Amino acid sequence: MKEILGAVDGWLMGGKKVAIARVVGVEGSGPRDPGATMAVNEDGEVAGSVSGGCVEGAVVGEALEVLAGSPARVATFGYSDDEAFSVGLTCGGTLHILIERLDW
């Protein structure tokens, strides 16, 4: 989380909406441990990582939906899911990522 604070602070000071995506669970083998965090602003700019790159694009899309007014959610990406393959998660595990708007 510390590595994204500078970017988040700058975005908030600039009046941008920000969503936080955080790994809240991993089943089996996963690219990042619980607690790994990524921030996304309303322009689609990203700081941090929740998967080392393999599901980041899908998480950005989910974060932009949350920033547009959709409720916070836990997105799940698993090895057996078609979506997991399409976004590049082939490590054999399942990631659970909480995506919520940052209300500072």
N, C-alpha and C. Protein backbone atom coordinates (compact mmCIF):
# COMPACT_ATOMS: atom_id res chain seq x y z
N MET A 1 0.82 -1.19 0.00
CA MET A 1 0.00 0.00 0.00
C MET A 1 0.86 1.25 0.00
N LYS A 2 1.99 1.21 0.70
CA LYS A 2 2.84 2.40 0.81
C LYS A 2 3.31 2.91 -0.55
N GLU A 3 3.55 2.00 -1.48
CA GLU A 3 4.09 2.42 -2.78
C GLU A 3 3.08 3.19 -3.63
N ILE A 4 1.80 3.13 -3.29
CA ILE A 4 0.80 3.85 -4.08
C ILE A 4 0.36 5.16 -3.44
N LEU A 5 0.78 5.42 -2.22
CA LEU A 5 0.29 6.60 -1.50
C LEU A 5 0.59 7.91 -2.21
N GLY A 6 1.77 8.05 -2.78
CA GLY A 6 2.11 9.29 -3.48
C GLY A 6 1.18 9.56 -4.65
N ALA A 7 0.93 8.53 -5.45
CA ALA A 7 0.04 8.69 -6.59
C ALA A 7 -1.38 9.00 -6.14
N VAL A 8 -1.87 8.26 -5.15
CA VAL A 8 -3.23 8.48 -4.66
C VAL A 8 -3.38 9.89 -4.10
N ASP A 9 -2.40 10.33 -3.33
CA ASP A 9 -2.45 11.68 -2.77
C ASP A 9 -2.51 12.72 -3.88
N GLY A 10 -1.68 12.57 -4.90
CA GLY A 10 -1.67 13.51 -6.02
C GLY A 10 -3.00 13.53 -6.75
N TRP A 11 -3.57 12.35 -6.99
CA TRP A 11 -4.86 12.28 -7.68
C TRP A 11 -5.95 12.96 -6.86
N LEU A 12 -5.98 12.67 -5.56
CA LEU A 12 -7.01 13.27 -4.71
C LEU A 12 -6.86 14.78 -4.64
N MET A 13 -5.62 15.25 -4.53
CA MET A 13 -5.38 16.70 -4.49
C MET A 13 -5.80 17.35 -5.80
N GLY A 14 -5.75 16.60 -6.89
CA GLY A 14 -6.17 17.10 -8.19
C GLY A 14 -7.67 16.94 -8.44
N GLY A 15 -8.40 16.47 -7.45
CA GLY A 15 -9.85 16.34 -7.57
C GLY A 15 -10.32 15.08 -8.29
N LYS A 16 -9.44 14.10 -8.45
CA LYS A 16 -9.80 12.86 -9.14
C LYS A 16 -10.49 11.88 -8.20
N LYS A 17 -11.42 11.10 -8.74
CA LYS A 17 -12.00 9.98 -8.02
C LYS A 17 -11.00 8.83 -8.08
N VAL A 18 -10.93 8.05 -6.99
CA VAL A 18 -9.97 6.96 -6.91
C VAL A 18 -10.65 5.70 -6.38
N ALA A 19 -10.32 4.57 -6.98
CA ALA A 19 -10.76 3.27 -6.48
C ALA A 19 -9.52 2.50 -6.02
N ILE A 20 -9.73 1.69 -5.00
CA ILE A 20 -8.68 0.83 -4.47
C ILE A 20 -9.07 -0.62 -4.72
N ALA A 21 -8.15 -1.38 -5.27
CA ALA A 21 -8.34 -2.82 -5.47
C ALA A 21 -7.31 -3.53 -4.60
N ARG A 22 -7.78 -4.48 -3.80
CA ARG A 22 -6.89 -5.14 -2.84
C ARG A 22 -7.13 -6.65 -2.87
N VAL A 23 -6.06 -7.42 -2.96
CA VAL A 23 -6.18 -8.87 -2.88
C VAL A 23 -6.62 -9.22 -1.46
N VAL A 24 -7.78 -9.87 -1.35
CA VAL A 24 -8.30 -10.24 -0.04
C VAL A 24 -8.28 -11.75 0.18
N GLY A 25 -7.95 -12.50 -0.85
CA GLY A 25 -7.84 -13.94 -0.70
C GLY A 25 -7.18 -14.58 -1.90
N VAL A 26 -6.45 -15.64 -1.63
CA VAL A 26 -5.80 -16.42 -2.69
C VAL A 26 -6.02 -17.89 -2.37
N GLU A 27 -6.48 -18.63 -3.35
CA GLU A 27 -6.62 -20.07 -3.21
C GLU A 27 -5.64 -20.73 -4.16
N GLY A 28 -4.85 -21.64 -3.67
CA GLY A 28 -3.85 -22.28 -4.50
C GLY A 28 -2.70 -21.32 -4.76
N SER A 29 -2.11 -21.45 -5.93
CA SER A 29 -0.97 -20.61 -6.31
C SER A 29 -1.47 -19.29 -6.87
N GLY A 30 -0.89 -18.19 -6.38
CA GLY A 30 -1.28 -16.88 -6.88
C GLY A 30 -0.07 -16.00 -7.08
N PRO A 31 -0.16 -15.02 -7.97
CA PRO A 31 0.98 -14.16 -8.25
C PRO A 31 1.31 -13.17 -7.15
N ARG A 32 0.33 -12.78 -6.33
CA ARG A 32 0.55 -11.81 -5.25
C ARG A 32 -0.19 -12.29 -4.01
N ASP A 33 0.30 -11.93 -2.85
CA ASP A 33 -0.31 -12.32 -1.59
C ASP A 33 -1.44 -11.38 -1.20
N PRO A 34 -2.31 -11.82 -0.29
CA PRO A 34 -3.34 -10.92 0.23
C PRO A 34 -2.69 -9.63 0.76
N GLY A 35 -3.36 -8.53 0.51
CA GLY A 35 -2.84 -7.22 0.89
C GLY A 35 -2.25 -6.46 -0.28
N ALA A 36 -1.88 -7.16 -1.35
CA ALA A 36 -1.36 -6.47 -2.53
C ALA A 36 -2.44 -5.50 -3.01
N THR A 37 -2.03 -4.27 -3.34
CA THR A 37 -2.99 -3.21 -3.59
C THR A 37 -2.67 -2.45 -4.87
N MET A 38 -3.73 -2.03 -5.55
CA MET A 38 -3.62 -1.23 -6.76
C MET A 38 -4.64 -0.10 -6.64
N ALA A 39 -4.27 1.09 -7.08
CA ALA A 39 -5.19 2.22 -7.13
C ALA A 39 -5.43 2.57 -8.59
N VAL A 40 -6.66 3.00 -8.87
CA VAL A 40 -7.05 3.39 -10.22
C VAL A 40 -7.81 4.71 -10.11
N ASN A 41 -7.43 5.69 -10.94
CA ASN A 41 -8.21 6.93 -10.91
C ASN A 41 -9.22 6.93 -12.05
N GLU A 42 -10.09 7.93 -12.06
CA GLU A 42 -11.18 7.99 -13.03
C GLU A 42 -10.70 8.09 -14.48
N ASP A 43 -9.43 8.46 -14.69
CA ASP A 43 -8.87 8.52 -16.04
C ASP A 43 -8.24 7.19 -16.46
N GLY A 44 -8.29 6.19 -15.57
CA GLY A 44 -7.71 4.88 -15.87
C GLY A 44 -6.23 4.78 -15.55
N GLU A 45 -5.67 5.79 -14.89
CA GLU A 45 -4.27 5.71 -14.47
C GLU A 45 -4.16 4.75 -13.30
N VAL A 46 -3.06 4.02 -13.23
CA VAL A 46 -2.88 2.95 -12.26
C VAL A 46 -1.60 3.13 -11.47
N ALA A 47 -1.68 2.79 -10.18
CA ALA A 47 -0.50 2.72 -9.32
C ALA A 47 -0.59 1.41 -8.55
N GLY A 48 0.50 0.70 -8.45
CA GLY A 48 0.52 -0.57 -7.72
C GLY A 48 0.10 -1.73 -8.60
N SER A 49 -0.03 -2.90 -7.95
CA SER A 49 -0.34 -4.11 -8.69
C SER A 49 -1.03 -5.12 -7.77
N VAL A 50 -2.01 -5.84 -8.32
CA VAL A 50 -2.65 -6.91 -7.57
C VAL A 50 -2.29 -8.29 -8.10
N SER A 51 -1.64 -8.34 -9.26
CA SER A 51 -1.35 -9.65 -9.83
C SER A 51 -0.05 -9.72 -10.62
N GLY A 52 0.76 -8.69 -10.55
CA GLY A 52 1.98 -8.72 -11.34
C GLY A 52 1.71 -8.58 -12.83
N GLY A 53 0.51 -8.17 -13.20
CA GLY A 53 0.20 -7.90 -14.60
C GLY A 53 -0.85 -8.79 -15.22
N CYS A 54 -1.10 -9.98 -14.66
CA CYS A 54 -1.96 -10.92 -15.39
C CYS A 54 -3.45 -10.59 -15.36
N VAL A 55 -3.97 -9.91 -14.35
CA VAL A 55 -5.39 -9.55 -14.37
C VAL A 55 -5.61 -8.05 -14.21
N GLU A 56 -4.55 -7.27 -14.27
CA GLU A 56 -4.66 -5.84 -14.03
C GLU A 56 -5.68 -5.15 -14.95
N GLY A 57 -5.68 -5.48 -16.22
CA GLY A 57 -6.60 -4.85 -17.16
C GLY A 57 -8.06 -5.08 -16.77
N ALA A 58 -8.38 -6.29 -16.37
CA ALA A 58 -9.75 -6.59 -15.96
C ALA A 58 -10.09 -5.86 -14.66
N VAL A 59 -9.14 -5.75 -13.75
CA VAL A 59 -9.37 -5.05 -12.49
C VAL A 59 -9.58 -3.55 -12.74
N VAL A 60 -8.83 -2.98 -13.67
CA VAL A 60 -9.04 -1.57 -14.02
C VAL A 60 -10.46 -1.36 -14.52
N GLY A 61 -10.94 -2.24 -15.38
CA GLY A 61 -12.31 -2.14 -15.87
C GLY A 61 -13.33 -2.19 -14.75
N GLU A 62 -13.13 -3.11 -13.81
CA GLU A 62 -14.03 -3.21 -12.65
C GLU A 62 -13.96 -1.94 -11.80
N ALA A 63 -12.76 -1.42 -11.60
CA ALA A 63 -12.57 -0.21 -10.80
C ALA A 63 -13.27 0.99 -11.45
N LEU A 64 -13.18 1.10 -12.76
CA LEU A 64 -13.84 2.21 -13.46
C LEU A 64 -15.36 2.11 -13.32
N GLU A 65 -15.89 0.89 -13.30
CA GLU A 65 -17.33 0.72 -13.08
C GLU A 65 -17.72 1.19 -11.68
N VAL A 66 -16.90 0.85 -10.69
CA VAL A 66 -17.16 1.29 -9.31
C VAL A 66 -17.11 2.81 -9.24
N LEU A 67 -16.14 3.42 -9.90
CA LEU A 67 -16.04 4.88 -9.89
C LEU A 67 -17.21 5.54 -10.61
N ALA A 68 -17.83 4.82 -11.54
CA ALA A 68 -18.98 5.36 -12.27
C ALA A 68 -20.28 5.19 -11.49
N GLY A 69 -20.21 4.56 -10.31
CA GLY A 69 -21.39 4.45 -9.47
C GLY A 69 -21.83 3.05 -9.12
N SER A 70 -21.22 2.04 -9.69
CA SER A 70 -21.56 0.67 -9.31
C SER A 70 -21.08 0.41 -7.89
N PRO A 71 -21.70 -0.54 -7.20
CA PRO A 71 -21.29 -0.82 -5.83
C PRO A 71 -19.93 -1.50 -5.76
N ALA A 72 -19.30 -1.37 -4.59
CA ALA A 72 -18.05 -2.10 -4.34
C ALA A 72 -18.31 -3.59 -4.54
N ARG A 73 -17.26 -4.32 -4.88
CA ARG A 73 -17.44 -5.74 -5.16
C ARG A 73 -16.17 -6.52 -4.91
N VAL A 74 -16.33 -7.81 -4.79
CA VAL A 74 -15.19 -8.72 -4.78
C VAL A 74 -15.20 -9.42 -6.13
N ALA A 75 -14.16 -9.19 -6.91
CA ALA A 75 -14.01 -9.84 -8.20
C ALA A 75 -13.14 -11.07 -8.01
N THR A 76 -13.53 -12.17 -8.62
CA THR A 76 -12.79 -13.42 -8.47
C THR A 76 -12.27 -13.86 -9.83
N PHE A 77 -11.00 -14.17 -9.86
CA PHE A 77 -10.35 -14.66 -11.08
C PHE A 77 -9.71 -15.98 -10.73
N GLY A 78 -10.15 -17.06 -11.41
CA GLY A 78 -9.64 -18.38 -11.09
C GLY A 78 -9.11 -19.10 -12.31
N TYR A 79 -8.25 -20.06 -12.06
CA TYR A 79 -7.59 -20.81 -13.11
C TYR A 79 -8.59 -21.48 -14.05
N SER A 80 -9.70 -21.98 -13.50
CA SER A 80 -10.65 -22.70 -14.33
C SER A 80 -11.64 -21.78 -15.04
N ASP A 81 -11.63 -20.51 -14.71
CA ASP A 81 -12.55 -19.57 -15.34
C ASP A 81 -12.08 -19.18 -16.73
N ASP A 82 -13.01 -19.11 -17.67
CA ASP A 82 -12.67 -18.64 -19.02
C ASP A 82 -12.09 -17.23 -18.95
N GLU A 83 -12.66 -16.40 -18.07
CA GLU A 83 -12.17 -15.03 -17.94
C GLU A 83 -10.72 -15.01 -17.44
N ALA A 84 -10.38 -15.93 -16.56
CA ALA A 84 -9.01 -15.98 -16.06
C ALA A 84 -8.03 -16.22 -17.21
N PHE A 85 -8.36 -17.14 -18.09
CA PHE A 85 -7.50 -17.39 -19.24
C PHE A 85 -7.42 -16.16 -20.14
N SER A 86 -8.56 -15.51 -20.34
CA SER A 86 -8.56 -14.38 -21.27
C SER A 86 -7.76 -13.21 -20.74
N VAL A 87 -7.65 -13.06 -19.42
CA VAL A 87 -6.87 -11.96 -18.87
C VAL A 87 -5.46 -12.38 -18.50
N GLY A 88 -5.14 -13.67 -18.64
CA GLY A 88 -3.77 -14.11 -18.46
C GLY A 88 -3.44 -14.76 -17.14
N LEU A 89 -4.45 -15.13 -16.32
CA LEU A 89 -4.17 -15.78 -15.04
C LEU A 89 -4.06 -17.28 -15.27
N THR A 90 -2.84 -17.75 -15.39
CA THR A 90 -2.62 -19.17 -15.65
C THR A 90 -1.76 -19.81 -14.58
N CYS A 91 -1.69 -19.20 -13.40
CA CYS A 91 -0.83 -19.70 -12.34
C CYS A 91 -1.44 -20.87 -11.59
N GLY A 92 -2.69 -21.19 -11.85
CA GLY A 92 -3.31 -22.34 -11.22
C GLY A 92 -4.12 -22.02 -9.98
N GLY A 93 -4.16 -20.78 -9.57
CA GLY A 93 -4.89 -20.42 -8.36
C GLY A 93 -6.07 -19.53 -8.64
N THR A 94 -6.66 -19.05 -7.56
CA THR A 94 -7.80 -18.14 -7.64
C THR A 94 -7.51 -16.91 -6.81
N LEU A 95 -7.76 -15.74 -7.38
CA LEU A 95 -7.59 -14.47 -6.68
C LEU A 95 -8.95 -13.87 -6.37
N HIS A 96 -9.12 -13.36 -5.15
CA HIS A 96 -10.31 -12.61 -4.76
C HIS A 96 -9.83 -11.18 -4.51
N ILE A 97 -10.39 -10.23 -5.25
CA ILE A 97 -9.93 -8.84 -5.20
C ILE A 97 -11.10 -7.93 -4.84
N LEU A 98 -10.99 -7.24 -3.70
CA LEU A 98 -11.98 -6.27 -3.28
C LEU A 98 -11.71 -4.96 -4.02
N ILE A 99 -12.74 -4.44 -4.67
CA ILE A 99 -12.62 -3.18 -5.41
C ILE A 99 -13.64 -2.21 -4.85
N GLU A 100 -13.17 -1.09 -4.33
CA GLU A 100 -14.07 -0.12 -3.72
C GLU A 100 -13.57 1.30 -3.98
N ARG A 101 -14.51 2.23 -3.97
CA ARG A 101 -14.16 3.64 -4.14
C ARG A 101 -13.50 4.13 -2.86
N LEU A 102 -12.46 4.92 -3.03
CA LEU A 102 -11.79 5.52 -1.89
C LEU A 102 -12.51 6.81 -1.54
N ASP A 103 -13.16 6.82 -0.39
CA ASP A 103 -13.82 8.03 0.08
C ASP A 103 -12.97 8.59 1.21
N TRP A 104 -12.15 9.54 0.86
CA TRP A 104 -11.15 10.08 1.77
C TRP A 104 -11.78 11.04 2.73
